[in-house]
Amino acid sequence: MRPTDRSRWAYRPPCSDALACCESEEARALLTAAPAGAAVGAKPIEQFHDHFTESFSDVICGIPVDVVIVVTDNFFLYEDDSFRDTASFRSTVTNPVNGDSVRISSAGQNRGSAPIVDEEAGTITFLTSFKGRPEKVQTANGPVLTRDAGIITFADTFDLETGDPISSEVLVTKGPHPEADSDFTLFCEVITEALTT
């Protein structure tokens, strides 16, 4: 029972990120295909490599868009259910009404420890660390609108029985993380401005 919002368009909590802003199931499936990290020195029990390009229409931050995304992913799962994932994606998101577009990208390594189960409290907690560039948003031909980089670690706690989210907490942050600092509202702010003005 690992959270399915693995890439989080890098690392945002559910329902306040680009992933949550994508209304189509196809978009969510593509973005969650690149998971999040693993045991040092242990051999993986499962691993996979994937690289693909996909094009689709979607709605992001309430704006109908056309998306082209390129994903590369190297995922390793370990016996204790910890993981390591080295992944990147590049996407071009275009508003078909006015032709305005942005580029969204991510590159880095994500690691997750074995889940922490508290049966007495009825919870399961996942610790996930992201190292690298979890998110960069820029206009198609110009400046960077927002860029998160460095290390950030989340503790995401869920109801053990229902799987419903209970809390998400930032435990470690090193580097500029304006998206995380904005409580994950900056993404839609810059996307909306870039695609509708």
Protein backbone atom coordinates (compact mmCIF):
# COMPACT_ATOMS: atom_id res chain seq x y z
CA MET A 1 0.00 0.00 0.00
CA ARG A 2 2.32 2.73 -1.23
CA PRO A 3 0.80 6.08 -2.25
CA THR A 4 -0.01 6.05 -5.95
CA ASP A 5 0.90 9.69 -6.57
CA ARG A 6 4.56 8.63 -6.82
CA SER A 7 6.00 11.31 -9.04
CA ARG A 8 3.68 14.01 -7.79
CA TRP A 9 4.84 16.00 -10.82
CA ALA A 10 7.74 15.73 -8.62
CA TYR A 11 6.63 15.85 -5.03
CA ARG A 12 3.43 17.62 -4.18
CA PRO A 13 0.84 16.16 -1.79
CA PRO A 14 -2.37 14.77 -3.31
CA CYS A 15 -5.09 17.20 -4.43
CA SER A 16 -2.94 20.33 -4.51
CA ASP A 17 -0.57 19.59 -7.34
CA ALA A 18 -0.27 19.29 -11.06
CA LEU A 19 -1.20 15.63 -10.78
CA ALA A 20 -4.35 16.50 -8.91
CA CYS A 21 -4.94 19.34 -11.36
CA CYS A 22 -4.95 16.83 -14.24
CA GLU A 23 -8.54 15.82 -14.75
CA SER A 24 -8.03 12.90 -17.16
CA GLU A 25 -7.29 9.40 -15.91
CA GLU A 26 -4.79 9.00 -18.79
CA ALA A 27 -2.74 11.95 -17.54
CA ARG A 28 -2.77 10.71 -13.95
CA ALA A 29 -1.72 7.23 -15.09
CA LEU A 30 1.20 8.62 -17.07
CA LEU A 31 2.38 10.88 -14.29
CA THR A 32 2.15 8.19 -11.64
CA ALA A 33 4.09 5.75 -13.82
CA ALA A 34 7.29 7.37 -12.63
CA PRO A 35 7.32 6.43 -8.93
CA ALA A 36 9.28 7.72 -5.98
CA GLY A 37 13.26 5.38 -3.40
CA ALA A 38 15.81 2.20 -0.90
CA ALA A 39 17.91 -0.01 1.15
CA VAL A 40 21.63 0.68 0.96
CA GLY A 41 23.60 -2.28 -0.31
CA ALA A 42 20.58 -4.58 -0.66
CA LYS A 43 19.70 -6.21 -3.95
CA PRO A 44 16.35 -5.20 -5.40
CA ILE A 45 13.59 -7.80 -5.63
CA GLU A 46 12.01 -5.92 -8.52
CA GLN A 47 13.33 -3.35 -10.93
CA PHE A 48 12.30 -1.81 -14.17
CA HIS A 49 13.40 0.76 -16.70
CA ASP A 50 10.96 2.66 -18.84
CA HIS A 51 11.22 5.43 -21.40
CA PHE A 52 8.27 6.75 -23.35
CA THR A 53 6.75 9.77 -25.05
CA GLU A 54 3.02 10.41 -24.89
CA SER A 55 0.66 13.10 -26.20
CA PHE A 56 -2.83 13.76 -24.87
CA SER A 57 -5.36 16.48 -24.07
CA ASP A 58 -6.15 17.30 -20.47
CA VAL A 59 -7.28 20.01 -18.07
CA ILE A 60 -4.58 21.42 -15.76
CA CYS A 61 -5.43 24.06 -13.17
CA GLY A 62 -8.84 24.41 -14.82
CA ILE A 63 -7.34 25.14 -18.26
CA PRO A 64 -7.90 22.77 -21.24
CA VAL A 65 -4.43 21.93 -22.59
CA ASP A 66 -2.53 19.68 -24.98
CA VAL A 67 0.38 17.83 -23.35
CA VAL A 68 3.46 16.15 -24.78
CA ILE A 69 5.50 14.34 -22.12
CA VAL A 70 8.76 12.36 -22.24
CA VAL A 71 9.45 10.11 -19.23
CA THR A 72 12.54 8.09 -18.28
CA ASP A 73 12.35 5.95 -15.15
CA ASN A 74 14.60 3.46 -13.32
CA PHE A 75 12.74 1.97 -10.36
CA PHE A 76 14.01 -0.49 -7.72
CA LEU A 77 11.86 -2.17 -5.05
CA TYR A 78 13.52 -3.89 -2.07
CA GLU A 79 12.40 -6.77 0.12
CA ASP A 80 11.45 -4.51 3.03
CA ASP A 81 9.19 -2.48 0.66
CA SER A 82 11.64 0.42 0.51
CA PHE A 83 12.39 1.79 -2.94
CA ARG A 84 14.71 3.93 -5.03
CA ASP A 85 13.65 5.67 -8.20
CA THR A 86 15.81 7.71 -10.54
CA ALA A 87 13.52 9.45 -12.96
CA SER A 88 13.02 12.46 -15.17
CA PHE A 89 10.27 13.92 -17.27
CA ARG A 90 9.92 16.83 -19.65
CA SER A 91 6.55 18.06 -20.78
CA THR A 92 5.23 20.83 -22.96
CA VAL A 93 1.78 22.01 -21.96
CA THR A 94 -0.03 24.15 -24.53
CA ASN A 95 -3.27 26.10 -24.35
CA PRO A 96 -4.88 25.30 -27.74
CA VAL A 97 -7.02 28.45 -27.59
CA ASN A 98 -4.15 30.95 -27.62
CA GLY A 99 -1.06 28.81 -28.37
CA ASP A 100 0.68 29.80 -25.12
CA SER A 101 2.76 27.02 -23.59
CA VAL A 102 4.97 26.14 -20.65
CA ARG A 103 7.60 23.49 -20.10
CA ILE A 104 7.43 21.43 -16.93
CA SER A 105 10.34 19.19 -15.99
CA SER A 106 11.74 17.13 -13.16
CA ALA A 107 14.93 15.12 -12.65
CA GLY A 108 16.38 13.38 -9.64
CA GLN A 109 16.30 10.46 -7.27
CA ASN A 110 13.53 9.57 -4.87
CA ARG A 111 13.93 7.17 -1.96
CA GLY A 112 11.34 5.72 0.33
CA SER A 113 11.89 3.72 3.49
CA ALA A 114 9.84 0.70 4.46
CA PRO A 115 6.35 1.77 5.57
CA ILE A 116 5.86 2.46 9.27
CA VAL A 117 2.73 0.68 10.50
CA ASP A 118 1.13 1.73 13.77
CA GLU A 119 -1.65 -0.82 14.26
CA GLU A 120 -2.71 0.70 17.58
CA ALA A 121 -3.30 4.08 15.90
CA GLY A 122 -4.56 2.43 12.71
CA THR A 123 -2.08 4.30 10.50
CA ILE A 124 0.64 3.66 7.95
CA THR A 125 3.32 6.27 7.26
CA PHE A 126 5.61 6.57 4.24
CA LEU A 127 8.84 8.57 4.41
CA THR A 128 9.91 9.77 0.97
CA SER A 129 12.99 11.87 0.18
CA PHE A 130 13.47 13.68 -3.10
CA LYS A 131 16.94 14.77 -4.20
CA GLY A 132 17.58 16.78 -7.34
CA ARG A 133 15.18 19.05 -9.22
CA PRO A 134 11.66 17.98 -8.33
CA GLU A 135 10.08 20.72 -10.44
CA LYS A 136 10.91 23.44 -12.92
CA VAL A 137 8.26 25.42 -14.79
CA GLN A 138 9.27 27.84 -17.53
CA THR A 139 7.72 29.51 -20.52
CA ALA A 140 8.35 27.80 -23.86
CA ASN A 141 10.82 30.44 -25.03
CA GLY A 142 11.77 32.29 -21.94
CA PRO A 143 12.24 32.61 -18.24
CA VAL A 144 11.92 30.11 -15.44
CA LEU A 145 8.66 30.74 -13.57
CA THR A 146 9.39 28.49 -10.58
CA ARG A 147 12.11 25.98 -9.73
CA ASP A 148 12.46 23.69 -6.76
CA ALA A 149 15.83 22.00 -6.19
CA GLY A 150 17.77 20.24 -3.45
CA ILE A 151 16.49 17.75 -0.89
CA ILE A 152 13.04 17.51 0.65
CA THR A 153 11.59 14.70 2.77
CA PHE A 154 7.90 14.06 3.41
CA ALA A 155 6.08 11.93 5.99
CA ASP A 156 2.71 10.94 4.48
CA THR A 157 0.33 9.19 6.89
CA PHE A 158 -2.76 7.25 5.82
CA ASP A 159 -5.57 5.39 7.55
CA LEU A 160 -4.44 1.75 7.65
CA GLU A 161 -7.92 0.40 6.93
CA THR A 162 -9.30 2.84 4.36
CA GLY A 163 -6.12 4.24 2.82
CA ASP A 164 -7.48 7.77 3.27
CA PRO A 165 -4.82 10.45 3.76
CA ILE A 166 -4.46 11.74 7.32
CA SER A 167 -1.47 14.07 7.12
CA SER A 168 1.51 15.15 5.06
CA GLU A 169 4.45 16.80 6.78
CA VAL A 170 7.76 18.16 5.50
CA LEU A 171 10.53 16.74 7.70
CA VAL A 172 13.66 18.00 5.90
CA THR A 173 14.17 20.77 3.41
CA LYS A 174 17.49 21.90 1.92
CA GLY A 175 17.56 24.14 -1.11
CA PRO A 176 15.05 26.44 -2.71
CA HIS A 177 11.58 24.90 -2.60
CA PRO A 178 9.20 27.76 -3.48
CA GLU A 179 6.44 25.34 -4.48
CA ALA A 180 6.60 23.50 -1.15
CA ASP A 181 6.99 26.82 0.68
CA SER A 182 3.77 28.07 -0.95
CA ASP A 183 1.90 25.06 0.41
CA PHE A 184 1.74 23.80 -3.17
CA THR A 185 -0.27 26.71 -4.60
CA LEU A 186 2.49 28.27 -6.71
CA PHE A 187 2.21 25.73 -9.54
CA CYS A 188 -1.34 26.70 -10.55
CA GLU A 189 -0.58 30.39 -10.03
CA VAL A 190 2.29 30.41 -12.54
CA ILE A 191 0.60 27.99 -14.95
CA THR A 192 -2.62 30.02 -15.02
CA GLU A 193 -0.77 33.28 -15.60
CA ALA A 194 1.47 31.83 -18.32
CA LEU A 195 -1.30 30.06 -20.24
CA THR A 196 -4.09 32.63 -20.06
CA THR A 197 -2.50 36.08 -20.41
